[in-house]
Amino acid sequence: MDARIVDRLRCPVCGEPLAEATAGTARALRCPRRHSFDVARQGYVNLLAGRAPHAGDTAEMVAARADFLAAGHYDVISAALAEAATEAVARVAAAPDAGAYPLVVDAGAGTGRYLAAVLAALPDAVGLALDVSKPALRRAARAHQRAAAALADTWQRLPLADASTAVLLNVFAPRNGAEFHRVLDPAGALLVVTPAGDHLAELVGALDLLRVDPAKSDRVAESLGGRFTPDGGTALRRELALTGPEVATLVGMGPSAWHTDPAGLAARVAALPEPVRVTVSVRLTVWRPTPG
């Protein structure tokens, strides 16, 4: 694992710094108090303190997401994140106490595609993908040569040093305002992507999918409490023309996959005329940490 990333990590049990240790072919991260965390052969490290309350996305959901994103359907989101992260890193670099290199953390990273897009735009940065899904982390660990991946629960204390992160990505994922504020550099930025009310609207009724909460923006602001202040946002829209199998993949990668009967879904998808017009409608909001 990249030593620059390990340097920013902290033991999830005691908060002490971690260092890489090797015994034969086995690798682990250990702290001075001898807490040890194994690095899986797939490349990610388990930094959970105890068990996660849930296992996250399944292997099938992760495979669907990887296929759908690889086709470029959500590249509008990747490009917007890369642009916003570039601006954020420039701001951190201009601070008097700027570190030698910026760390980008994706909380709820999934396959790591968004993190990889940001790192591609930031040649001096390193990245860390955090997720509770092991199938997702197996892919995230290989998403970019300057990225690492760790099993961590967003709702718990994050395994990162205070003020260690220049940019924190949060794309369709849970938000822990207190921890995000703790690990983010005072000059850094939290980039939050949330679905708009008409996101995938053409499919919601036709396929009986979960609807976007009308109070989503209010809930996001509430979750960040008084710890962050919005500093601009961008509405991102794109119309997709999808095949039936691509529609099934899109549904299979998201939260509706937990609540949809596969046989019933297949029948409804088959009844849709192709190409299936689908609206991608999300909002990227830049949040700055408030002092204190």
C-alpha atoms as a PDB file:
ATOM      1  CA  MET A   1       0.000   0.000   0.000  1.00  0.00           C
ATOM      2  CA  ASP A   2       1.230   3.492  -0.849  1.00  0.00           C
ATOM      3  CA  ALA A   3       3.131   4.838   2.161  1.00  0.00           C
ATOM      4  CA  ARG A   4       1.644   8.304   1.597  1.00  0.00           C
ATOM      5  CA  ILE A   5      -1.822   6.874   2.181  1.00  0.00           C
ATOM      6  CA  VAL A   6      -0.786   4.747   5.176  1.00  0.00           C
ATOM      7  CA  ASP A   7       0.691   7.887   6.737  1.00  0.00           C
ATOM      8  CA  ARG A   8      -2.806   9.430   6.912  1.00  0.00           C
ATOM      9  CA  LEU A   9      -4.485   6.306   8.334  1.00  0.00           C
ATOM     10  CA  ARG A  10      -5.222   5.753  12.004  1.00  0.00           C
ATOM     11  CA  CYS A  11      -6.014   2.642  14.012  1.00  0.00           C
ATOM     12  CA  PRO A  12      -9.795   2.298  14.310  1.00  0.00           C
ATOM     13  CA  VAL A  13      -9.396   0.876  17.829  1.00  0.00           C
ATOM     14  CA  CYS A  14      -7.044   3.334  19.540  1.00  0.00           C
ATOM     15  CA  GLY A  15      -6.436   6.114  17.003  1.00  0.00           C
ATOM     16  CA  GLU A  16      -2.665   5.581  16.826  1.00  0.00           C
ATOM     17  CA  PRO A  17      -0.788   5.807  13.489  1.00  0.00           C
ATOM     18  CA  LEU A  18      -0.529   2.680  11.362  1.00  0.00           C
ATOM     19  CA  ALA A  19       2.444   1.165   9.582  1.00  0.00           C
ATOM     20  CA  GLU A  20       2.693  -1.652   7.076  1.00  0.00           C
ATOM     21  CA  ALA A  21       4.129  -4.951   8.289  1.00  0.00           C
ATOM     22  CA  THR A  22       4.928  -8.097   6.327  1.00  0.00           C
ATOM     23  CA  ALA A  23       5.283 -11.645   7.612  1.00  0.00           C
ATOM     24  CA  GLY A  24       6.082 -14.054   4.795  1.00  0.00           C
ATOM     25  CA  THR A  25       3.506 -13.409   2.111  1.00  0.00           C
ATOM     26  CA  ALA A  26       0.962 -11.948   4.550  1.00  0.00           C
ATOM     27  CA  ARG A  27       0.587  -8.182   4.812  1.00  0.00           C
ATOM     28  CA  ALA A  28      -1.043  -6.150   7.534  1.00  0.00           C
ATOM     29  CA  LEU A  29      -1.237  -2.676   9.020  1.00  0.00           C
ATOM     30  CA  ARG A  30      -0.276  -2.406  12.682  1.00  0.00           C
ATOM     31  CA  CYS A  31      -0.260   0.359  15.269  1.00  0.00           C
ATOM     32  CA  PRO A  32       2.186   0.856  18.194  1.00  0.00           C
ATOM     33  CA  ARG A  33      -0.334  -0.818  20.512  1.00  0.00           C
ATOM     34  CA  ARG A  34      -0.149  -3.949  18.358  1.00  0.00           C
ATOM     35  CA  HIS A  35      -3.629  -3.790  16.883  1.00  0.00           C
ATOM     36  CA  SER A  36      -3.339  -5.505  13.509  1.00  0.00           C
ATOM     37  CA  PHE A  37      -5.453  -5.281  10.351  1.00  0.00           C
ATOM     38  CA  ASP A  38      -4.974  -7.701   7.497  1.00  0.00           C
ATOM     39  CA  VAL A  39      -4.533  -6.647   3.899  1.00  0.00           C
ATOM     40  CA  ALA A  40      -6.630  -9.009   1.757  1.00  0.00           C
ATOM     41  CA  ARG A  41      -5.008 -10.652  -1.237  1.00  0.00           C
ATOM     42  CA  GLN A  42      -7.370  -8.567  -3.408  1.00  0.00           C
ATOM     43  CA  GLY A  43      -5.593  -5.448  -2.127  1.00  0.00           C
ATOM     44  CA  TYR A  44      -7.922  -3.817   0.388  1.00  0.00           C
ATOM     45  CA  VAL A  45      -7.380  -3.591   4.147  1.00  0.00           C
ATOM     46  CA  ASN A  46     -10.038  -4.313   6.756  1.00  0.00           C
ATOM     47  CA  LEU A  47     -10.135  -1.309   9.099  1.00  0.00           C
ATOM     48  CA  LEU A  48     -13.353  -2.099  10.881  1.00  0.00           C
ATOM     49  CA  ALA A  49     -13.427  -1.922  14.649  1.00  0.00           C
ATOM     50  CA  GLY A  50     -15.741  -4.857  15.204  1.00  0.00           C
ATOM     51  CA  ARG A  51     -18.377  -6.013  12.758  1.00  0.00           C
ATOM     52  CA  ALA A  52     -20.154  -3.837  10.232  1.00  0.00           C
ATOM     53  CA  PRO A  53     -23.906  -3.583  10.824  1.00  0.00           C
ATOM     54  CA  HIS A  54     -24.517  -4.579   7.191  1.00  0.00           C
ATOM     55  CA  ALA A  55     -22.543  -6.114   4.323  1.00  0.00           C
ATOM     56  CA  GLY A  56     -23.229  -3.395   1.753  1.00  0.00           C
ATOM     57  CA  ASP A  57     -23.832  -4.012  -1.921  1.00  0.00           C
ATOM     58  CA  THR A  58     -23.811  -7.579  -3.148  1.00  0.00           C
ATOM     59  CA  ALA A  59     -21.443  -8.982  -5.772  1.00  0.00           C
ATOM     60  CA  GLU A  60     -24.293  -8.855  -8.303  1.00  0.00           C
ATOM     61  CA  MET A  61     -25.032  -5.193  -7.572  1.00  0.00           C
ATOM     62  CA  VAL A  62     -21.351  -4.280  -7.782  1.00  0.00           C
ATOM     63  CA  ALA A  63     -20.934  -6.111 -11.095  1.00  0.00           C
ATOM     64  CA  ALA A  64     -23.967  -4.292 -12.487  1.00  0.00           C
ATOM     65  CA  ARG A  65     -22.575  -0.938 -11.369  1.00  0.00           C
ATOM     66  CA  ALA A  66     -19.174  -1.677 -12.860  1.00  0.00           C
ATOM     67  CA  ASP A  67     -20.733  -2.565 -16.216  1.00  0.00           C
ATOM     68  CA  PHE A  68     -23.049   0.441 -16.292  1.00  0.00           C
ATOM     69  CA  LEU A  69     -20.398   2.969 -15.286  1.00  0.00           C
ATOM     70  CA  ALA A  70     -17.821   1.481 -17.669  1.00  0.00           C
ATOM     71  CA  ALA A  71     -20.222   2.256 -20.520  1.00  0.00           C
ATOM     72  CA  GLY A  72     -19.830   5.965 -19.665  1.00  0.00           C
ATOM     73  CA  HIS A  73     -23.452   6.612 -18.754  1.00  0.00           C
ATOM     74  CA  TYR A  74     -22.547   8.571 -15.614  1.00  0.00           C
ATOM     75  CA  ASP A  75     -19.376  10.205 -16.909  1.00  0.00           C
ATOM     76  CA  VAL A  76     -21.070  13.580 -16.524  1.00  0.00           C
ATOM     77  CA  ILE A  77     -20.806  13.024 -12.769  1.00  0.00           C
ATOM     78  CA  SER A  78     -17.156  11.943 -12.945  1.00  0.00           C
ATOM     79  CA  ALA A  79     -16.212  15.030 -14.977  1.00  0.00           C
ATOM     80  CA  ALA A  80     -17.982  17.405 -12.587  1.00  0.00           C
ATOM     81  CA  LEU A  81     -16.330  15.800  -9.559  1.00  0.00           C
ATOM     82  CA  ALA A  82     -12.899  16.028 -11.173  1.00  0.00           C
ATOM     83  CA  GLU A  83     -13.389  19.730 -11.910  1.00  0.00           C
ATOM     84  CA  ALA A  84     -14.655  20.545  -8.427  1.00  0.00           C
ATOM     85  CA  ALA A  85     -11.893  18.503  -6.785  1.00  0.00           C
ATOM     86  CA  THR A  86      -9.227  20.296  -8.832  1.00  0.00           C
ATOM     87  CA  GLU A  87     -10.501  23.638  -7.565  1.00  0.00           C
ATOM     88  CA  ALA A  88     -10.643  22.340  -4.003  1.00  0.00           C
ATOM     89  CA  VAL A  89      -7.099  20.997  -4.065  1.00  0.00           C
ATOM     90  CA  ALA A  90      -5.803  24.305  -5.409  1.00  0.00           C
ATOM     91  CA  ARG A  91      -7.421  26.024  -2.434  1.00  0.00           C
ATOM     92  CA  VAL A  92      -5.843  23.585   0.021  1.00  0.00           C
ATOM     93  CA  ALA A  93      -2.429  23.994  -1.641  1.00  0.00           C
ATOM     94  CA  ALA A  94      -2.649  27.756  -1.181  1.00  0.00           C
ATOM     95  CA  ALA A  95      -3.181  27.436   2.575  1.00  0.00           C
ATOM     96  CA  PRO A  96      -0.175  28.358   4.752  1.00  0.00           C
ATOM     97  CA  ASP A  97       0.044  24.910   6.354  1.00  0.00           C
ATOM     98  CA  ALA A  98      -0.603  22.871   3.214  1.00  0.00           C
ATOM     99  CA  GLY A  99       0.687  19.309   3.269  1.00  0.00           C
ATOM    100  CA  ALA A 100       3.136  17.816   0.807  1.00  0.00           C
ATOM    101  CA  TYR A 101       0.426  16.027  -1.160  1.00  0.00           C
ATOM    102  CA  PRO A 102      -3.385  15.982  -1.129  1.00  0.00           C
ATOM    103  CA  LEU A 103      -5.447  12.984  -0.080  1.00  0.00           C
ATOM    104  CA  VAL A 104      -8.820  12.370  -1.750  1.00  0.00           C
ATOM    105  CA  VAL A 105     -11.198  10.100   0.171  1.00  0.00           C
ATOM    106  CA  ASP A 106     -14.349   8.579  -1.305  1.00  0.00           C
ATOM    107  CA  ALA A 107     -16.753   7.622   1.486  1.00  0.00           C
ATOM    108  CA  GLY A 108     -19.050   4.956   0.062  1.00  0.00           C
ATOM    109  CA  ALA A 109     -16.791   4.525  -2.950  1.00  0.00           C
ATOM    110  CA  GLY A 110     -18.356   1.482  -4.558  1.00  0.00           C
ATOM    111  CA  THR A 111     -16.153   0.347  -7.429  1.00  0.00           C
ATOM    112  CA  GLY A 112     -13.896   3.409  -7.109  1.00  0.00           C
ATOM    113  CA  ARG A 113     -14.688   4.793 -10.566  1.00  0.00           C
ATOM    114  CA  TYR A 114     -15.412   8.330  -9.343  1.00  0.00           C
ATOM    115  CA  LEU A 115     -12.279   8.350  -7.196  1.00  0.00           C
ATOM    116  CA  ALA A 116     -10.234   7.195 -10.185  1.00  0.00           C
ATOM    117  CA  ALA A 117     -11.615  10.003 -12.335  1.00  0.00           C
ATOM    118  CA  VAL A 118     -10.649  12.573  -9.710  1.00  0.00           C
ATOM    119  CA  LEU A 119      -7.144  11.144  -9.298  1.00  0.00           C
ATOM    120  CA  ALA A 120      -6.659  11.204 -13.068  1.00  0.00           C
ATOM    121  CA  ALA A 121      -7.189  14.967 -12.907  1.00  0.00           C
ATOM    122  CA  LEU A 122      -4.875  15.393  -9.897  1.00  0.00           C
ATOM    123  CA  PRO A 123      -1.441  13.916 -10.685  1.00  0.00           C
ATOM    124  CA  ASP A 124      -0.017  14.840  -7.253  1.00  0.00           C
ATOM    125  CA  ALA A 125      -2.859  13.352  -5.224  1.00  0.00           C
ATOM    126  CA  VAL A 126      -3.420   9.945  -3.668  1.00  0.00           C
ATOM    127  CA  GLY A 127      -6.796   8.418  -2.933  1.00  0.00           C
ATOM    128  CA  LEU A 128      -8.569   6.157  -0.476  1.00  0.00           C
ATOM    129  CA  ALA A 129     -11.814   4.303  -1.188  1.00  0.00           C
ATOM    130  CA  LEU A 130     -13.941   3.462   1.861  1.00  0.00           C
ATOM    131  CA  ASP A 131     -16.865   1.039   1.711  1.00  0.00           C
ATOM    132  CA  VAL A 132     -18.459  -1.807   3.670  1.00  0.00           C
ATOM    133  CA  SER A 133     -18.949  -3.999   0.592  1.00  0.00           C
ATOM    134  CA  LYS A 134     -16.117  -6.449   0.048  1.00  0.00           C
ATOM    135  CA  PRO A 135     -17.094  -7.081  -3.605  1.00  0.00           C
ATOM    136  CA  ALA A 136     -16.911  -3.319  -4.196  1.00  0.00           C
ATOM    137  CA  LEU A 137     -13.549  -2.986  -2.469  1.00  0.00           C
ATOM    138  CA  ARG A 138     -12.035  -5.749  -4.594  1.00  0.00           C
ATOM    139  CA  ARG A 139     -12.654  -3.508  -7.592  1.00  0.00           C
ATOM    140  CA  ALA A 140     -11.847  -0.212  -5.850  1.00  0.00           C
ATOM    141  CA  ALA A 141      -8.423  -1.507  -4.820  1.00  0.00           C
ATOM    142  CA  ARG A 142      -7.580  -1.771  -8.538  1.00  0.00           C
ATOM    143  CA  ALA A 143      -9.356   1.377  -9.692  1.00  0.00           C
ATOM    144  CA  HIS A 144      -6.242   3.570  -9.887  1.00  0.00           C
ATOM    145  CA  GLN A 145      -2.541   3.108  -9.262  1.00  0.00           C
ATOM    146  CA  ARG A 146      -2.520   5.928  -6.694  1.00  0.00           C
ATOM    147  CA  ALA A 147      -5.545   4.646  -4.798  1.00  0.00           C
ATOM    148  CA  ALA A 148      -5.979   2.248  -1.894  1.00  0.00           C
ATOM    149  CA  ALA A 149      -9.146   0.713  -0.482  1.00  0.00           C
ATOM    150  CA  ALA A 150     -10.289  -0.006   3.052  1.00  0.00           C
ATOM    151  CA  LEU A 151     -13.257  -1.746   4.620  1.00  0.00           C
ATOM    152  CA  ALA A 152     -14.792   0.874   6.885  1.00  0.00           C
ATOM    153  CA  ASP A 153     -18.254   1.828   8.068  1.00  0.00           C
ATOM    154  CA  THR A 154     -19.138   5.461   7.364  1.00  0.00           C
ATOM    155  CA  TRP A 155     -21.281   5.565  10.500  1.00  0.00           C
ATOM    156  CA  GLN A 156     -18.330   4.678  12.722  1.00  0.00           C
ATOM    157  CA  ARG A 157     -15.199   6.724  13.402  1.00  0.00           C
ATOM    158  CA  LEU A 158     -13.290   6.912  10.137  1.00  0.00           C
ATOM    159  CA  PRO A 159      -9.775   5.390  10.182  1.00  0.00           C
ATOM    160  CA  LEU A 160      -8.144   8.701   9.259  1.00  0.00           C
ATOM    161  CA  ALA A 161      -6.131  11.370  11.033  1.00  0.00           C
ATOM    162  CA  ASP A 162      -7.693  14.712  11.883  1.00  0.00           C
ATOM    163  CA  ALA A 163      -7.612  17.240   9.011  1.00  0.00           C
ATOM    164  CA  SER A 164      -5.902  14.648   6.798  1.00  0.00           C
ATOM    165  CA  THR A 165      -8.159  14.882   3.760  1.00  0.00           C
ATOM    166  CA  ALA A 166      -8.143  17.584   1.094  1.00  0.00           C
ATOM    167  CA  VAL A 167     -11.257  16.410  -0.742  1.00  0.00           C
ATOM    168  CA  LEU A 168     -13.981  14.075   0.464  1.00  0.00           C
ATOM    169  CA  LEU A 169     -16.295  12.540  -2.139  1.00  0.00           C
ATOM    170  CA  ASN A 170     -19.782  11.379  -1.205  1.00  0.00           C
ATOM    171  CA  VAL A 171     -21.743  10.077  -4.192  1.00  0.00           C
ATOM    172  CA  PHE A 172     -25.175   8.531  -3.526  1.00  0.00           C
ATOM    173  CA  ALA A 173     -23.857   7.433  -0.132  1.00  0.00           C
ATOM    174  CA  PRO A 174     -24.572   7.981   3.582  1.00  0.00           C
ATOM    175  CA  ARG A 175     -23.100  11.040   5.264  1.00  0.00           C
ATOM    176  CA  ASN A 176     -21.504  11.257   8.706  1.00  0.00           C
ATOM    177  CA  GLY A 177     -21.257  14.994   9.258  1.00  0.00           C
ATOM    178  CA  ALA A 178     -19.208  14.830  12.454  1.00  0.00           C
ATOM    179  CA  GLU A 179     -16.588  12.476  11.050  1.00  0.00           C
ATOM    180  CA  PHE A 180     -16.432  14.207   7.674  1.00  0.00           C
ATOM    181  CA  HIS A 181     -15.716  17.468   9.477  1.00  0.00           C
ATOM    182  CA  ARG A 182     -13.044  15.878  11.674  1.00  0.00           C
ATOM    183  CA  VAL A 183     -11.004  14.343   8.852  1.00  0.00           C
ATOM    184  CA  LEU A 184     -11.362  17.176   6.344  1.00  0.00           C
ATOM    185  CA  ASP A 185      -8.691  19.847   6.012  1.00  0.00           C
ATOM    186  CA  PRO A 186     -10.106  23.225   7.118  1.00  0.00           C
ATOM    187  CA  ALA A 187      -9.445  24.512   3.596  1.00  0.00           C
ATOM    188  CA  GLY A 188     -10.790  21.384   1.937  1.00  0.00           C
ATOM    189  CA  ALA A 189     -14.131  20.494   0.411  1.00  0.00           C
ATOM    190  CA  LEU A 190     -16.830  17.868   0.762  1.00  0.00           C
ATOM    191  CA  LEU A 191     -18.343  17.065  -2.644  1.00  0.00           C
ATOM    192  CA  VAL A 192     -21.822  15.562  -2.297  1.00  0.00           C
ATOM    193  CA  VAL A 193     -23.777  14.109  -5.223  1.00  0.00           C
ATOM    194  CA  THR A 194     -27.477  13.462  -4.651  1.00  0.00           C
ATOM    195  CA  PRO A 195     -30.331  12.541  -7.001  1.00  0.00           C
ATOM    196  CA  ALA A 196     -32.768  15.255  -8.080  1.00  0.00           C
ATOM    197  CA  GLY A 197     -36.498  14.661  -7.992  1.00  0.00           C
ATOM    198  CA  ASP A 198     -36.653  13.641 -11.651  1.00  0.00           C
ATOM    199  CA  HIS A 199     -33.648  11.342 -11.592  1.00  0.00           C
ATOM    200  CA  LEU A 200     -34.522   8.227 -13.623  1.00  0.00           C
ATOM    201  CA  ALA A 201     -38.125   9.450 -13.575  1.00  0.00           C
ATOM    202  CA  GLU A 202     -39.059   7.536 -16.737  1.00  0.00           C
ATOM    203  CA  LEU A 203     -38.299   4.249 -14.995  1.00  0.00           C
ATOM    204  CA  VAL A 204     -39.801   4.890 -11.576  1.00  0.00           C
ATOM    205  CA  GLY A 205     -43.418   4.381 -12.584  1.00  0.00           C
ATOM    206  CA  ALA A 206     -42.821   1.918 -15.385  1.00  0.00           C
ATOM    207  CA  LEU A 207     -40.732  -0.416 -13.258  1.00  0.00           C
ATOM    208  CA  ASP A 208     -42.099   0.376  -9.799  1.00  0.00           C
ATOM    209  CA  LEU A 209     -38.770   1.654  -8.496  1.00  0.00           C
ATOM    210  CA  LEU A 210     -38.006   3.541  -5.298  1.00  0.00           C
ATOM    211  CA  ARG A 211     -38.771   7.241  -5.618  1.00  0.00           C
ATOM    212  CA  VAL A 212     -36.400  10.052  -4.663  1.00  0.00           C
ATOM    213  CA  ASP A 213     -37.340  11.527  -1.287  1.00  0.00           C
ATOM    214  CA  PRO A 214     -38.858  14.993  -1.959  1.00  0.00           C
ATOM    215  CA  ALA A 215     -37.078  16.251   1.159  1.00  0.00           C
ATOM    216  CA  LYS A 216     -33.707  14.875   0.071  1.00  0.00           C
ATOM    217  CA  SER A 217     -31.918  18.235  -0.004  1.00  0.00           C
ATOM    218  CA  ASP A 218     -33.253  19.122   3.438  1.00  0.00           C
ATOM    219  CA  ARG A 219     -32.095  15.785   4.844  1.00  0.00           C
ATOM    220  CA  VAL A 220     -28.622  16.291   3.368  1.00  0.00           C
ATOM    221  CA  ALA A 221     -28.329  19.711   4.992  1.00  0.00           C
ATOM    222  CA  GLU A 222     -29.584  18.299   8.290  1.00  0.00           C
ATOM    223  CA  SER A 223     -27.080  15.432   8.193  1.00  0.00           C
ATOM    224  CA  LEU A 224     -24.231  17.893   7.846  1.00  0.00           C
ATOM    225  CA  GLY A 225     -25.563  19.930  10.761  1.00  0.00           C
ATOM    226  CA  GLY A 226     -23.798  23.182  11.461  1.00  0.00           C
ATOM    227  CA  ARG A 227     -20.468  21.639  10.537  1.00  0.00           C
ATOM    228  CA  PHE A 228     -20.534  22.562   6.836  1.00  0.00           C
ATOM    229  CA  THR A 229     -21.612  25.513   4.727  1.00  0.00           C
ATOM    230  CA  PRO A 230     -22.700  25.117   1.086  1.00  0.00           C
ATOM    231  CA  ASP A 231     -20.383  26.868  -1.344  1.00  0.00           C
ATOM    232  CA  GLY A 232     -22.075  26.473  -4.692  1.00  0.00           C
ATOM    233  CA  GLY A 233     -23.656  23.627  -6.561  1.00  0.00           C
ATOM    234  CA  THR A 234     -24.225  22.325 -10.049  1.00  0.00           C
ATOM    235  CA  ALA A 235     -27.262  20.622 -11.557  1.00  0.00           C
ATOM    236  CA  LEU A 236     -26.144  17.786 -13.831  1.00  0.00           C
ATOM    237  CA  ARG A 237     -28.543  16.432 -16.441  1.00  0.00           C
ATOM    238  CA  ARG A 238     -28.159  14.010 -19.291  1.00  0.00           C
ATOM    239  CA  GLU A 239     -30.574  11.966 -21.367  1.00  0.00           C
ATOM    240  CA  LEU A 240     -29.613   8.361 -21.952  1.00  0.00           C
ATOM    241  CA  ALA A 241     -30.850   6.046 -24.683  1.00  0.00           C
ATOM    242  CA  LEU A 242     -30.607   2.580 -23.185  1.00  0.00           C
ATOM    243  CA  THR A 243     -31.229  -0.955 -24.316  1.00  0.00           C
ATOM    244  CA  GLY A 244     -33.381  -3.277 -22.246  1.00  0.00           C
ATOM    245  CA  PRO A 245     -30.356  -5.078 -20.765  1.00  0.00           C
ATOM    246  CA  GLU A 246     -28.787  -1.719 -19.842  1.00  0.00           C
ATOM    247  CA  VAL A 247     -31.990  -0.721 -18.049  1.00  0.00           C
ATOM    248  CA  ALA A 248     -31.900  -3.971 -16.089  1.00  0.00           C
ATOM    249  CA  THR A 249     -28.273  -3.282 -15.195  1.00  0.00           C
ATOM    250  CA  LEU A 250     -29.119   0.249 -14.061  1.00  0.00           C
ATOM    251  CA  VAL A 251     -31.859  -1.022 -11.761  1.00  0.00           C
ATOM    252  CA  GLY A 252     -29.651  -3.855 -10.531  1.00  0.00           C
ATOM    253  CA  MET A 253     -26.887  -1.546  -9.363  1.00  0.00           C
ATOM    254  CA  GLY A 254     -29.029   0.745  -7.191  1.00  0.00           C
ATOM    255  CA  PRO A 255     -31.149   0.604  -4.042  1.00  0.00           C
ATOM    256  CA  SER A 256     -34.190  -0.655  -5.936  1.00  0.00           C
ATOM    257  CA  ALA A 257     -32.302  -3.929  -6.447  1.00  0.00           C
ATOM    258  CA  TRP A 258     -33.038  -4.754  -2.783  1.00  0.00           C
ATOM    259  CA  HIS A 259     -36.789  -4.371  -3.310  1.00  0.00           C
ATOM    260  CA  THR A 260     -37.455  -5.649  -6.844  1.00  0.00           C
ATOM    261  CA  ASP A 261     -38.590  -9.117  -7.854  1.00  0.00           C
ATOM    262  CA  PRO A 262     -36.172 -10.223 -10.629  1.00  0.00           C
ATOM    263  CA  ALA A 263     -38.793 -12.063 -12.659  1.00  0.00           C
ATOM    264  CA  GLY A 264     -41.271  -9.226 -12.459  1.00  0.00           C
ATOM    265  CA  LEU A 265     -38.601  -6.687 -13.329  1.00  0.00           C
ATOM    266  CA  ALA A 266     -37.496  -8.671 -16.376  1.00  0.00           C
ATOM    267  CA  ALA A 267     -41.065  -8.779 -17.670  1.00  0.00           C
ATOM    268  CA  ARG A 268     -41.571  -5.039 -17.214  1.00  0.00           C
ATOM    269  CA  VAL A 269     -38.224  -4.198 -18.833  1.00  0.00           C
ATOM    270  CA  ALA A 270     -39.047  -6.424 -21.805  1.00  0.00           C
ATOM    271  CA  ALA A 271     -42.254  -4.441 -22.344  1.00  0.00           C
ATOM    272  CA  LEU A 272     -40.411  -1.121 -22.688  1.00  0.00           C
ATOM    273  CA  PRO A 273     -39.886   0.157 -26.253  1.00  0.00           C
ATOM    274  CA  GLU A 274     -36.222   0.565 -27.196  1.00  0.00           C
ATOM    275  CA  PRO A 275     -34.291   2.712 -26.987  1.00  0.00           C
ATOM    276  CA  VAL A 276     -35.451   3.528 -23.484  1.00  0.00           C
ATOM    277  CA  ARG A 277     -35.098   7.255 -22.794  1.00  0.00           C
ATOM    278  CA  VAL A 278     -33.868   7.855 -19.255  1.00  0.00           C
ATOM    279  CA  THR A 279     -33.001  11.145 -17.571  1.00  0.00           C
ATOM    280  CA  VAL A 280     -29.922  11.373 -15.355  1.00  0.00           C
ATOM    281  CA  SER A 281     -30.599  14.286 -13.016  1.00  0.00           C
ATOM    282  CA  VAL A 282     -28.375  14.864  -9.996  1.00  0.00           C
ATOM    283  CA  ARG A 283     -26.904  17.733  -8.035  1.00  0.00           C
ATOM    284  CA  LEU A 284     -23.292  18.215  -7.032  1.00  0.00           C
ATOM    285  CA  THR A 285     -22.941  20.472  -3.990  1.00  0.00           C
ATOM    286  CA  VAL A 286     -19.663  21.785  -2.621  1.00  0.00           C
ATOM    287  CA  TRP A 287     -19.615  22.004   1.169  1.00  0.00           C
ATOM    288  CA  ARG A 288     -16.927  23.819   3.138  1.00  0.00           C
ATOM    289  CA  PRO A 289     -16.158  22.882   6.758  1.00  0.00           C
ATOM    290  CA  THR A 290     -17.143  25.534   9.268  1.00  0.00           C
ATOM    291  CA  PRO A 291     -14.455  26.520  11.797  1.00  0.00           C
ATOM    292  CA  GLY A 292     -14.420  24.829  15.165  1.00  0.00           C
END
